[in-house]
All heavy atoms as atom14 arrays in JSON, in Angstrom:
{
  "sequence": "PAGCERLDTLTVQGVWSNSHWPPEAQKDYYPEVNNEDLNMINLQLANG",
  "atom14_mask": [
    [1, 1, 1, 1, 1, 1, 1, 0, 0, 0, 0, 0, 0, 0],
    [1, 1, 1, 1, 1, 0, 0, 0, 0, 0, 0, 0, 0, 0],
    [1, 1, 1, 1, 0, 0, 0, 0, 0, 0, 0, 0, 0, 0],
    [1, 1, 1, 1, 1, 1, 0, 0, 0, 0, 0, 0, 0, 0],
    [1, 1, 1, 1, 1, 1, 1, 1, 1, 0, 0, 0, 0, 0],
    [1, 1, 1, 1, 1, 1, 1, 1, 1, 1, 1, 0, 0, 0],
    [1, 1, 1, 1, 1, 1, 1, 1, 0, 0, 0, 0, 0, 0],
    [1, 1, 1, 1, 1, 1, 1, 1, 0, 0, 0, 0, 0, 0],
    [1, 1, 1, 1, 1, 1, 1, 0, 0, 0, 0, 0, 0, 0],
    [1, 1, 1, 1, 1, 1, 1, 1, 0, 0, 0, 0, 0, 0],
    [1, 1, 1, 1, 1, 1, 1, 0, 0, 0, 0, 0, 0, 0],
    [1, 1, 1, 1, 1, 1, 1, 0, 0, 0, 0, 0, 0, 0],
    [1, 1, 1, 1, 1, 1, 1, 1, 1, 0, 0, 0, 0, 0],
    [1, 1, 1, 1, 0, 0, 0, 0, 0, 0, 0, 0, 0, 0],
    [1, 1, 1, 1, 1, 1, 1, 0, 0, 0, 0, 0, 0, 0],
    [1, 1, 1, 1, 1, 1, 1, 1, 1, 1, 1, 1, 1, 1],
    [1, 1, 1, 1, 1, 1, 0, 0, 0, 0, 0, 0, 0, 0],
    [1, 1, 1, 1, 1, 1, 1, 1, 0, 0, 0, 0, 0, 0],
    [1, 1, 1, 1, 1, 1, 0, 0, 0, 0, 0, 0, 0, 0],
    [1, 1, 1, 1, 1, 1, 1, 1, 1, 1, 0, 0, 0, 0],
    [1, 1, 1, 1, 1, 1, 1, 1, 1, 1, 1, 1, 1, 1],
    [1, 1, 1, 1, 1, 1, 1, 0, 0, 0, 0, 0, 0, 0],
    [1, 1, 1, 1, 1, 1, 1, 0, 0, 0, 0, 0, 0, 0],
    [1, 1, 1, 1, 1, 1, 1, 1, 1, 0, 0, 0, 0, 0],
    [1, 1, 1, 1, 1, 0, 0, 0, 0, 0, 0, 0, 0, 0],
    [1, 1, 1, 1, 1, 1, 1, 1, 1, 0, 0, 0, 0, 0],
    [1, 1, 1, 1, 1, 1, 1, 1, 1, 0, 0, 0, 0, 0],
    [1, 1, 1, 1, 1, 1, 1, 1, 0, 0, 0, 0, 0, 0],
    [1, 1, 1, 1, 1, 1, 1, 1, 1, 1, 1, 1, 0, 0],
    [1, 1, 1, 1, 1, 1, 1, 1, 1, 1, 1, 1, 0, 0],
    [1, 1, 1, 1, 1, 1, 1, 0, 0, 0, 0, 0, 0, 0],
    [1, 1, 1, 1, 1, 1, 1, 1, 1, 0, 0, 0, 0, 0],
    [1, 1, 1, 1, 1, 1, 1, 0, 0, 0, 0, 0, 0, 0],
    [1, 1, 1, 1, 1, 1, 1, 1, 0, 0, 0, 0, 0, 0],
    [1, 1, 1, 1, 1, 1, 1, 1, 0, 0, 0, 0, 0, 0],
    [1, 1, 1, 1, 1, 1, 1, 1, 1, 0, 0, 0, 0, 0],
    [1, 1, 1, 1, 1, 1, 1, 1, 0, 0, 0, 0, 0, 0],
    [1, 1, 1, 1, 1, 1, 1, 1, 0, 0, 0, 0, 0, 0],
    [1, 1, 1, 1, 1, 1, 1, 1, 0, 0, 0, 0, 0, 0],
    [1, 1, 1, 1, 1, 1, 1, 1, 0, 0, 0, 0, 0, 0],
    [1, 1, 1, 1, 1, 1, 1, 1, 0, 0, 0, 0, 0, 0],
    [1, 1, 1, 1, 1, 1, 1, 1, 0, 0, 0, 0, 0, 0],
    [1, 1, 1, 1, 1, 1, 1, 1, 0, 0, 0, 0, 0, 0],
    [1, 1, 1, 1, 1, 1, 1, 1, 1, 0, 0, 0, 0, 0],
    [1, 1, 1, 1, 1, 1, 1, 1, 0, 0, 0, 0, 0, 0],
    [1, 1, 1, 1, 1, 0, 0, 0, 0, 0, 0, 0, 0, 0],
    [1, 1, 1, 1, 1, 1, 1, 1, 0, 0, 0, 0, 0, 0],
    [1, 1, 1, 1, 0, 0, 0, 0, 0, 0, 0, 0, 0, 0]
  ],
  "atom14_positions": [
    [[-9.94, 3.62, -8.91], [-11.23, 3.99, -9.5], [-11.18, 5.35, -10.19], [-10.31, 6.18, -9.89], [-12.18, 4.02, -8.31], [-11.3, 4.26, -7.12], [-10.0, 3.58, -7.44], [0.0, 0.0, 0.0], [0.0, 0.0, 0.0], [0.0, 0.0, 0.0], [0.0, 0.0, 0.0], [0.0, 0.0, 0.0], [0.0, 0.0, 0.0], [0.0, 0.0, 0.0]],
    [[-12.07, 5.58, -11.14], [-12.18, 6.88, -11.79], [-12.36, 7.95, -10.73], [-13.08, 7.76, -9.74], [-13.36, 6.88, -12.76], [0.0, 0.0, 0.0], [0.0, 0.0, 0.0], [0.0, 0.0, 0.0], [0.0, 0.0, 0.0], [0.0, 0.0, 0.0], [0.0, 0.0, 0.0], [0.0, 0.0, 0.0], [0.0, 0.0, 0.0], [0.0, 0.0, 0.0]],
    [[-11.7, 9.08, -10.95], [-11.72, 10.15, -9.96], [-10.5, 10.13, -9.06], [-10.28, 11.07, -8.29], [0.0, 0.0, 0.0], [0.0, 0.0, 0.0], [0.0, 0.0, 0.0], [0.0, 0.0, 0.0], [0.0, 0.0, 0.0], [0.0, 0.0, 0.0], [0.0, 0.0, 0.0], [0.0, 0.0, 0.0], [0.0, 0.0, 0.0], [0.0, 0.0, 0.0]],
    [[-9.72, 9.05, -9.13], [-8.5, 8.94, -8.31], [-7.27, 8.93, -9.23], [-6.34, 8.12, -9.06], [-8.53, 7.66, -7.47], [-9.87, 7.61, -6.27], [0.0, 0.0, 0.0], [0.0, 0.0, 0.0], [0.0, 0.0, 0.0], [0.0, 0.0, 0.0], [0.0, 0.0, 0.0], [0.0, 0.0, 0.0], [0.0, 0.0, 0.0], [0.0, 0.0, 0.0]],
    [[-7.28, 9.83, -10.21], [-6.18, 9.86, -11.18], [-4.85, 10.23, -10.53], [-3.8, 9.73, -10.91], [-6.5, 10.84, -12.31], [-7.46, 10.3, -13.36], [-8.89, 10.29, -12.88], [-9.19, 10.89, -11.81], [-9.73, 9.68, -13.55], [0.0, 0.0, 0.0], [0.0, 0.0, 0.0], [0.0, 0.0, 0.0], [0.0, 0.0, 0.0], [0.0, 0.0, 0.0]],
    [[-4.9, 11.14, -9.56], [-3.66, 11.61, -8.97], [-3.24, 10.72, -7.81], [-4.05, 10.35, -6.96], [-3.81, 13.06, -8.49], [-2.47, 13.66, -8.08], [-2.47, 15.17, -8.13], [-1.15, 15.67, -7.86], [-0.77, 16.18, -6.68], [-1.64, 16.28, -5.7], [0.46, 16.6, -6.5], [0.0, 0.0, 0.0], [0.0, 0.0, 0.0], [0.0, 0.0, 0.0]],
    [[-1.94, 10.42, -7.76], [-1.4, 9.66, -6.65], [-1.38, 10.5, -5.38], [-1.28, 11.73, -5.44], [0.03, 9.2, -6.97], [0.16, 8.14, -8.08], [1.59, 8.08, -8.55], [-0.28, 6.79, -7.56], [0.0, 0.0, 0.0], [0.0, 0.0, 0.0], [0.0, 0.0, 0.0], [0.0, 0.0, 0.0], [0.0, 0.0, 0.0], [0.0, 0.0, 0.0]],
    [[-1.45, 9.86, -4.23], [-1.4, 10.59, -2.98], [-0.01, 11.13, -2.69], [0.15, 12.12, -1.99], [-1.84, 9.68, -1.82], [-3.31, 9.31, -1.92], [-4.08, 10.09, -2.5], [-3.67, 8.22, -1.42], [0.0, 0.0, 0.0], [0.0, 0.0, 0.0], [0.0, 0.0, 0.0], [0.0, 0.0, 0.0], [0.0, 0.0, 0.0], [0.0, 0.0, 0.0]],
    [[1.03, 10.46, -3.22], [2.39, 10.9, -2.99], [2.69, 12.14, -3.81], [1.97, 12.48, -4.74], [3.38, 9.8, -3.38], [3.1, 9.39, -4.72], [3.27, 8.61, -2.46], [0.0, 0.0, 0.0], [0.0, 0.0, 0.0], [0.0, 0.0, 0.0], [0.0, 0.0, 0.0], [0.0, 0.0, 0.0], [0.0, 0.0, 0.0], [0.0, 0.0, 0.0]],
    [[3.78, 12.83, -3.44], [4.13, 14.07, -4.11], [4.36, 13.87, -5.59], [3.91, 14.66, -6.42], [5.39, 14.65, -3.46], [5.82, 16.06, -3.91], [4.75, 17.07, -3.54], [7.15, 16.43, -3.26], [0.0, 0.0, 0.0], [0.0, 0.0, 0.0], [0.0, 0.0, 0.0], [0.0, 0.0, 0.0], [0.0, 0.0, 0.0], [0.0, 0.0, 0.0]],
    [[5.07, 12.82, -5.95], [5.3, 12.48, -7.35], [5.24, 10.97, -7.48], [5.26, 10.23, -6.49], [6.68, 12.95, -7.85], [7.69, 12.18, -7.21], [6.9, 14.43, -7.57], [0.0, 0.0, 0.0], [0.0, 0.0, 0.0], [0.0, 0.0, 0.0], [0.0, 0.0, 0.0], [0.0, 0.0, 0.0], [0.0, 0.0, 0.0], [0.0, 0.0, 0.0]],
    [[5.18, 10.5, -8.72], [5.16, 9.06, -8.94], [6.43, 8.4, -8.41], [6.44, 7.22, -8.06], [4.96, 8.75, -10.44], [6.2, 9.09, -11.24], [4.57, 7.3, -10.65], [0.0, 0.0, 0.0], [0.0, 0.0, 0.0], [0.0, 0.0, 0.0], [0.0, 0.0, 0.0], [0.0, 0.0, 0.0], [0.0, 0.0, 0.0], [0.0, 0.0, 0.0]],
    [[7.53, 9.16, -8.32], [8.76, 8.59, -7.79], [8.59, 8.11, -6.35], [9.32, 7.23, -5.89], [9.89, 9.63, -7.86], [10.36, 9.9, -9.28], [11.36, 11.04, -9.34], [11.16, 12.08, -8.72], [12.43, 10.84, -10.08], [0.0, 0.0, 0.0], [0.0, 0.0, 0.0], [0.0, 0.0, 0.0], [0.0, 0.0, 0.0], [0.0, 0.0, 0.0]],
    [[7.59, 8.67, -5.65], [7.36, 8.27, -4.28], [6.87, 6.85, -4.13], [6.88, 6.3, -3.02], [0.0, 0.0, 0.0], [0.0, 0.0, 0.0], [0.0, 0.0, 0.0], [0.0, 0.0, 0.0], [0.0, 0.0, 0.0], [0.0, 0.0, 0.0], [0.0, 0.0, 0.0], [0.0, 0.0, 0.0], [0.0, 0.0, 0.0], [0.0, 0.0, 0.0]],
    [[6.42, 6.22, -5.23], [5.94, 4.83, -5.14], [6.88, 3.85, -5.82], [6.64, 2.64, -5.79], [4.53, 4.68, -5.75], [3.55, 5.58, -5.05], [4.52, 4.96, -7.25], [0.0, 0.0, 0.0], [0.0, 0.0, 0.0], [0.0, 0.0, 0.0], [0.0, 0.0, 0.0], [0.0, 0.0, 0.0], [0.0, 0.0, 0.0], [0.0, 0.0, 0.0]],
    [[7.96, 4.32, -6.42], [8.9, 3.42, -7.08], [9.52, 2.46, -6.06], [9.95, 2.88, -4.98], [10.02, 4.19, -7.76], [9.62, 4.94, -8.99], [8.36, 5.28, -9.37], [10.49, 5.47, -9.97], [8.4, 5.99, -10.54], [9.7, 6.12, -10.93], [11.86, 5.47, -10.13], [10.24, 6.76, -12.04], [12.41, 6.11, -11.24], [11.6, 6.73, -12.18]],
    [[9.59, 1.21, -6.41], [10.23, 0.25, -5.52], [10.58, -1.0, -6.3], [9.78, -1.51, -7.09], [9.3, -0.12, -4.36], [9.85, -1.18, -3.61], [0.0, 0.0, 0.0], [0.0, 0.0, 0.0], [0.0, 0.0, 0.0], [0.0, 0.0, 0.0], [0.0, 0.0, 0.0], [0.0, 0.0, 0.0], [0.0, 0.0, 0.0], [0.0, 0.0, 0.0]],
    [[11.8, -1.52, -6.08], [12.19, -2.77, -6.72], [11.39, -3.96, -6.18], [11.42, -5.05, -6.75], [13.69, -3.02, -6.53], [14.53, -2.12, -7.42], [14.05, -1.61, -8.44], [15.77, -1.9, -7.04], [0.0, 0.0, 0.0], [0.0, 0.0, 0.0], [0.0, 0.0, 0.0], [0.0, 0.0, 0.0], [0.0, 0.0, 0.0], [0.0, 0.0, 0.0]],
    [[10.69, -3.74, -5.07], [9.86, -4.81, -4.53], [8.56, -4.98, -5.31], [7.84, -5.96, -5.1], [9.53, -4.53, -3.05], [8.69, -3.39, -2.94], [0.0, 0.0, 0.0], [0.0, 0.0, 0.0], [0.0, 0.0, 0.0], [0.0, 0.0, 0.0], [0.0, 0.0, 0.0], [0.0, 0.0, 0.0], [0.0, 0.0, 0.0], [0.0, 0.0, 0.0]],
    [[8.27, -4.07, -6.21], [7.08, -4.17, -7.05], [7.31, -5.2, -8.16], [7.54, -4.86, -9.32], [6.71, -2.8, -7.64], [6.21, -1.83, -6.62], [6.06, -0.48, -6.89], [5.82, -2.0, -5.34], [5.6, 0.11, -5.81], [5.45, -0.77, -4.86], [0.0, 0.0, 0.0], [0.0, 0.0, 0.0], [0.0, 0.0, 0.0], [0.0, 0.0, 0.0]],
    [[7.25, -6.44, -7.78], [7.58, -7.55, -8.69], [6.9, -8.81, -8.18], [6.8, -8.98, -6.97], [9.1, -7.72, -8.74], [9.52, -8.69, -9.81], [9.87, -10.01, -9.63], [9.62, -8.44, -11.19], [10.17, -10.59, -10.83], [10.02, -9.63, -11.81], [9.41, -7.32, -11.99], [10.21, -9.75, -13.17], [9.59, -7.43, -13.34], [9.99, -8.62, -13.93]],
    [[6.41, -9.67, -9.05], [6.38, -9.58, -10.51], [5.27, -8.64, -10.99], [4.4, -8.25, -10.21], [6.12, -11.03, -10.93], [5.28, -11.57, -9.8], [5.85, -10.96, -8.56], [0.0, 0.0, 0.0], [0.0, 0.0, 0.0], [0.0, 0.0, 0.0], [0.0, 0.0, 0.0], [0.0, 0.0, 0.0], [0.0, 0.0, 0.0], [0.0, 0.0, 0.0]],
    [[5.28, -8.32, -12.28], [4.28, -7.37, -12.8], [2.85, -7.77, -12.53], [2.02, -6.93, -12.18], [4.59, -7.35, -14.3], [6.03, -7.71, -14.4], [6.27, -8.7, -13.31], [0.0, 0.0, 0.0], [0.0, 0.0, 0.0], [0.0, 0.0, 0.0], [0.0, 0.0, 0.0], [0.0, 0.0, 0.0], [0.0, 0.0, 0.0], [0.0, 0.0, 0.0]],
    [[2.53, -9.06, -12.67], [1.14, -9.48, -12.53], [0.61, -9.34, -11.11], [-0.59, -9.39, -10.87], [0.97, -10.96, -12.95], [1.45, -11.25, -14.36], [2.85, -11.84, -14.35], [3.73, -11.29, -13.63], [3.07, -12.83, -15.06], [0.0, 0.0, 0.0], [0.0, 0.0, 0.0], [0.0, 0.0, 0.0], [0.0, 0.0, 0.0], [0.0, 0.0, 0.0]],
    [[1.51, -9.15, -10.15], [1.09, -9.04, -8.75], [0.82, -7.61, -8.32], [0.48, -7.37, -7.16], [2.16, -9.65, -7.84], [0.0, 0.0, 0.0], [0.0, 0.0, 0.0], [0.0, 0.0, 0.0], [0.0, 0.0, 0.0], [0.0, 0.0, 0.0], [0.0, 0.0, 0.0], [0.0, 0.0, 0.0], [0.0, 0.0, 0.0], [0.0, 0.0, 0.0]],
    [[0.96, -6.66, -9.24], [0.81, -5.25, -8.88], [-0.67, -4.84, -8.84], [-1.56, -5.56, -9.29], [1.59, -4.38, -9.85], [3.08, -4.68, -9.89], [3.67, -4.81, -8.49], [3.57, -3.9, -7.68], [4.24, -5.98, -8.19], [0.0, 0.0, 0.0], [0.0, 0.0, 0.0], [0.0, 0.0, 0.0], [0.0, 0.0, 0.0], [0.0, 0.0, 0.0]],
    [[-0.92, -3.63, -8.32], [-2.28, -3.1, -8.23], [-2.2, -1.58, -8.17], [-1.1, -1.0, -8.23], [-2.98, -3.64, -6.99], [-2.3, -3.29, -5.67], [-3.04, -3.89, -4.48], [-2.33, -3.52, -3.18], [-3.05, -4.07, -2.0], [0.0, 0.0, 0.0], [0.0, 0.0, 0.0], [0.0, 0.0, 0.0], [0.0, 0.0, 0.0], [0.0, 0.0, 0.0]],
    [[-3.36, -0.94, -8.09], [-3.45, 0.52, -7.93], [-2.87, 1.27, -9.11], [-2.24, 2.32, -8.95], [-2.75, 0.97, -6.63], [-3.41, 0.42, -5.4], [-4.64, 0.23, -5.43], [-2.7, 0.17, -4.4], [0.0, 0.0, 0.0], [0.0, 0.0, 0.0], [0.0, 0.0, 0.0], [0.0, 0.0, 0.0], [0.0, 0.0, 0.0], [0.0, 0.0, 0.0]],
    [[-3.11, 0.76, -10.33], [-2.65, 1.47, -11.5], [-3.63, 2.58, -11.87], [-4.71, 2.72, -11.28], [-2.45, 0.49, -12.67], [-1.08, -0.16, -12.64], [-0.34, -0.21, -11.47], [-0.52, -0.7, -13.77], [0.92, -0.79, -11.43], [0.74, -1.3, -13.75], [1.45, -1.32, -12.58], [2.7, -1.89, -12.54], [0.0, 0.0, 0.0], [0.0, 0.0, 0.0]],
    [[-3.22, 3.4, -12.83], [-4.02, 4.55, -13.26], [-5.41, 4.08, -13.71], [-5.54, 2.99, -14.28], [-3.28, 5.25, -14.4], [-3.75, 6.65, -14.71], [-3.52, 7.69, -13.83], [-4.39, 6.93, -15.91], [-3.92, 8.99, -14.13], [-4.81, 8.22, -16.22], [-4.56, 9.24, -15.32], [-4.97, 10.53, -15.62], [0.0, 0.0, 0.0], [0.0, 0.0, 0.0]],
    [[-6.45, 4.9, -13.49], [-7.8, 4.45, -13.86], [-7.97, 4.09, -15.34], [-8.75, 3.19, -15.66], [-8.67, 5.66, -13.49], [-7.92, 6.35, -12.4], [-6.47, 6.17, -12.74], [0.0, 0.0, 0.0], [0.0, 0.0, 0.0], [0.0, 0.0, 0.0], [0.0, 0.0, 0.0], [0.0, 0.0, 0.0], [0.0, 0.0, 0.0], [0.0, 0.0, 0.0]],
    [[-7.24, 4.76, -16.21], [-7.33, 4.47, -17.65], [-5.96, 4.05, -18.15], [-5.01, 4.84, -18.15], [-7.8, 5.7, -18.42], [-8.01, 5.48, -19.9], [-9.15, 4.52, -20.2], [-10.23, 4.66, -19.57], [-8.98, 3.62, -21.04], [0.0, 0.0, 0.0], [0.0, 0.0, 0.0], [0.0, 0.0, 0.0], [0.0, 0.0, 0.0], [0.0, 0.0, 0.0]],
    [[-5.82, 2.79, -18.53], [-4.56, 2.26, -19.05], [-4.79, 1.78, -20.47], [-5.47, 0.78, -20.7], [-4.04, 1.09, -18.18], [-2.77, 0.5, -18.78], [-3.79, 1.55, -16.75], [0.0, 0.0, 0.0], [0.0, 0.0, 0.0], [0.0, 0.0, 0.0], [0.0, 0.0, 0.0], [0.0, 0.0, 0.0], [0.0, 0.0, 0.0], [0.0, 0.0, 0.0]],
    [[-4.26, 2.52, -21.45], [-4.45, 2.12, -22.84], [-3.21, 2.32, -23.7], [-3.24, 2.09, -24.9], [-5.65, 2.85, -23.47], [-5.58, 4.35, -23.3], [-4.49, 4.93, -23.31], [-6.73, 4.99, -23.15], [0.0, 0.0, 0.0], [0.0, 0.0, 0.0], [0.0, 0.0, 0.0], [0.0, 0.0, 0.0], [0.0, 0.0, 0.0], [0.0, 0.0, 0.0]],
    [[-2.09, 2.74, -23.1], [-0.84, 2.81, -23.84], [-0.18, 1.43, -23.87], [-0.26, 0.68, -22.89], [0.12, 3.82, -23.21], [0.06, 5.17, -23.88], [-0.15, 5.26, -25.1], [0.24, 6.23, -23.13], [0.0, 0.0, 0.0], [0.0, 0.0, 0.0], [0.0, 0.0, 0.0], [0.0, 0.0, 0.0], [0.0, 0.0, 0.0], [0.0, 0.0, 0.0]],
    [[0.48, 1.14, -24.96], [1.17, -0.15, -25.1], [2.34, -0.23, -24.12], [3.06, 0.75, -23.9], [1.7, -0.32, -26.52], [0.62, -0.44, -27.59], [0.04, 0.88, -28.06], [0.54, 1.95, -27.6], [-0.89, 0.87, -28.88], [0.0, 0.0, 0.0], [0.0, 0.0, 0.0], [0.0, 0.0, 0.0], [0.0, 0.0, 0.0], [0.0, 0.0, 0.0]],
    [[2.55, -1.4, -23.52], [3.72, -1.61, -22.67], [4.82, -2.36, -23.42], [5.89, -2.63, -22.87], [3.35, -2.34, -21.37], [2.57, -3.63, -21.6], [2.62, -4.18, -22.72], [1.9, -4.1, -20.66], [0.0, 0.0, 0.0], [0.0, 0.0, 0.0], [0.0, 0.0, 0.0], [0.0, 0.0, 0.0], [0.0, 0.0, 0.0], [0.0, 0.0, 0.0]],
    [[4.58, -2.68, -24.69], [5.55, -3.35, -25.55], [5.45, -2.72, -26.94], [4.39, -2.74, -27.57], [5.25, -4.84, -25.62], [6.21, -5.74, -26.4], [7.6, -5.7, -25.79], [5.69, -7.17, -26.43], [0.0, 0.0, 0.0], [0.0, 0.0, 0.0], [0.0, 0.0, 0.0], [0.0, 0.0, 0.0], [0.0, 0.0, 0.0], [0.0, 0.0, 0.0]],
    [[6.54, -2.09, -27.4], [6.56, -1.39, -28.69], [7.77, -1.8, -29.51], [8.89, -1.88, -28.97], [6.62, 0.13, -28.48], [5.37, 0.71, -27.87], [4.32, 0.73, -28.5], [5.46, 1.2, -26.63], [0.0, 0.0, 0.0], [0.0, 0.0, 0.0], [0.0, 0.0, 0.0], [0.0, 0.0, 0.0], [0.0, 0.0, 0.0], [0.0, 0.0, 0.0]],
    [[7.56, -2.05, -30.79], [8.66, -2.37, -31.7], [8.41, -1.67, -33.03], [7.38, -1.92, -33.67], [8.76, -3.88, -31.91], [9.14, -4.65, -30.65], [9.18, -6.44, -30.88], [7.45, -6.84, -30.61], [0.0, 0.0, 0.0], [0.0, 0.0, 0.0], [0.0, 0.0, 0.0], [0.0, 0.0, 0.0], [0.0, 0.0, 0.0], [0.0, 0.0, 0.0]],
    [[9.33, -0.8, -33.42], [9.15, -0.09, -34.69], [10.39, -0.22, -35.57], [11.52, -0.3, -35.08], [8.81, 1.41, -34.49], [9.88, 2.13, -33.67], [7.43, 1.55, -33.85], [9.67, 3.64, -33.6], [0.0, 0.0, 0.0], [0.0, 0.0, 0.0], [0.0, 0.0, 0.0], [0.0, 0.0, 0.0], [0.0, 0.0, 0.0], [0.0, 0.0, 0.0]],
    [[10.14, -0.26, -36.88], [11.21, -0.26, -37.89], [11.2, 1.09, -38.57], [10.14, 1.62, -38.93], [10.97, -1.36, -38.91], [10.94, -2.72, -38.29], [11.87, -3.09, -37.57], [9.89, -3.48, -38.54], [0.0, 0.0, 0.0], [0.0, 0.0, 0.0], [0.0, 0.0, 0.0], [0.0, 0.0, 0.0], [0.0, 0.0, 0.0], [0.0, 0.0, 0.0]],
    [[12.4, 1.65, -38.78], [12.53, 2.99, -39.33], [13.38, 2.97, -40.59], [14.47, 2.37, -40.61], [13.19, 3.93, -38.3], [12.47, 4.07, -36.96], [13.41, 4.66, -35.91], [11.23, 4.94, -37.11], [0.0, 0.0, 0.0], [0.0, 0.0, 0.0], [0.0, 0.0, 0.0], [0.0, 0.0, 0.0], [0.0, 0.0, 0.0], [0.0, 0.0, 0.0]],
    [[12.89, 3.63, -41.63], [13.68, 3.86, -42.84], [14.12, 5.32, -42.83], [13.29, 6.22, -42.79], [12.86, 3.59, -44.1], [13.62, 3.88, -45.4], [14.82, 2.96, -45.57], [14.68, 1.75, -45.65], [16.02, 3.54, -45.63], [0.0, 0.0, 0.0], [0.0, 0.0, 0.0], [0.0, 0.0, 0.0], [0.0, 0.0, 0.0], [0.0, 0.0, 0.0]],
    [[15.43, 5.53, -42.83], [15.94, 6.9, -42.77], [16.2, 7.44, -44.16], [16.36, 6.69, -45.13], [17.22, 6.97, -41.93], [17.01, 7.08, -40.4], [16.24, 5.9, -39.83], [18.33, 7.27, -39.67], [0.0, 0.0, 0.0], [0.0, 0.0, 0.0], [0.0, 0.0, 0.0], [0.0, 0.0, 0.0], [0.0, 0.0, 0.0], [0.0, 0.0, 0.0]],
    [[16.24, 8.76, -44.26], [16.35, 9.42, -45.56], [17.64, 9.08, -46.28], [17.68, 9.06, -47.51], [16.24, 10.94, -45.38], [0.0, 0.0, 0.0], [0.0, 0.0, 0.0], [0.0, 0.0, 0.0], [0.0, 0.0, 0.0], [0.0, 0.0, 0.0], [0.0, 0.0, 0.0], [0.0, 0.0, 0.0], [0.0, 0.0, 0.0], [0.0, 0.0, 0.0]],
    [[18.72, 8.8, -45.54], [20.02, 8.52, -46.17], [20.24, 7.03, -46.42], [21.35, 6.61, -46.74], [21.15, 9.09, -45.34], [21.27, 8.45, -43.96], [20.42, 7.65, -43.57], [22.31, 8.82, -43.21], [0.0, 0.0, 0.0], [0.0, 0.0, 0.0], [0.0, 0.0, 0.0], [0.0, 0.0, 0.0], [0.0, 0.0, 0.0], [0.0, 0.0, 0.0]],
    [[19.19, 6.22, -46.25], [19.3, 4.79, -46.53], [19.54, 3.93, -45.31], [19.4, 2.7, -45.39], [0.0, 0.0, 0.0], [0.0, 0.0, 0.0], [0.0, 0.0, 0.0], [0.0, 0.0, 0.0], [0.0, 0.0, 0.0], [0.0, 0.0, 0.0], [0.0, 0.0, 0.0], [0.0, 0.0, 0.0], [0.0, 0.0, 0.0], [0.0, 0.0, 0.0]]
  ]
}
């Protein structure tokens, strides 16, 4: 919920676990989630 932005653990590394799978089964994410989790960009460089 809003107001609970900070995790209780010392750092986010404290909650990392390979058991957090599959993605759809997870919970307790940040109150505001609006960054893309899938990004694809094409780049044209100056030298061609």
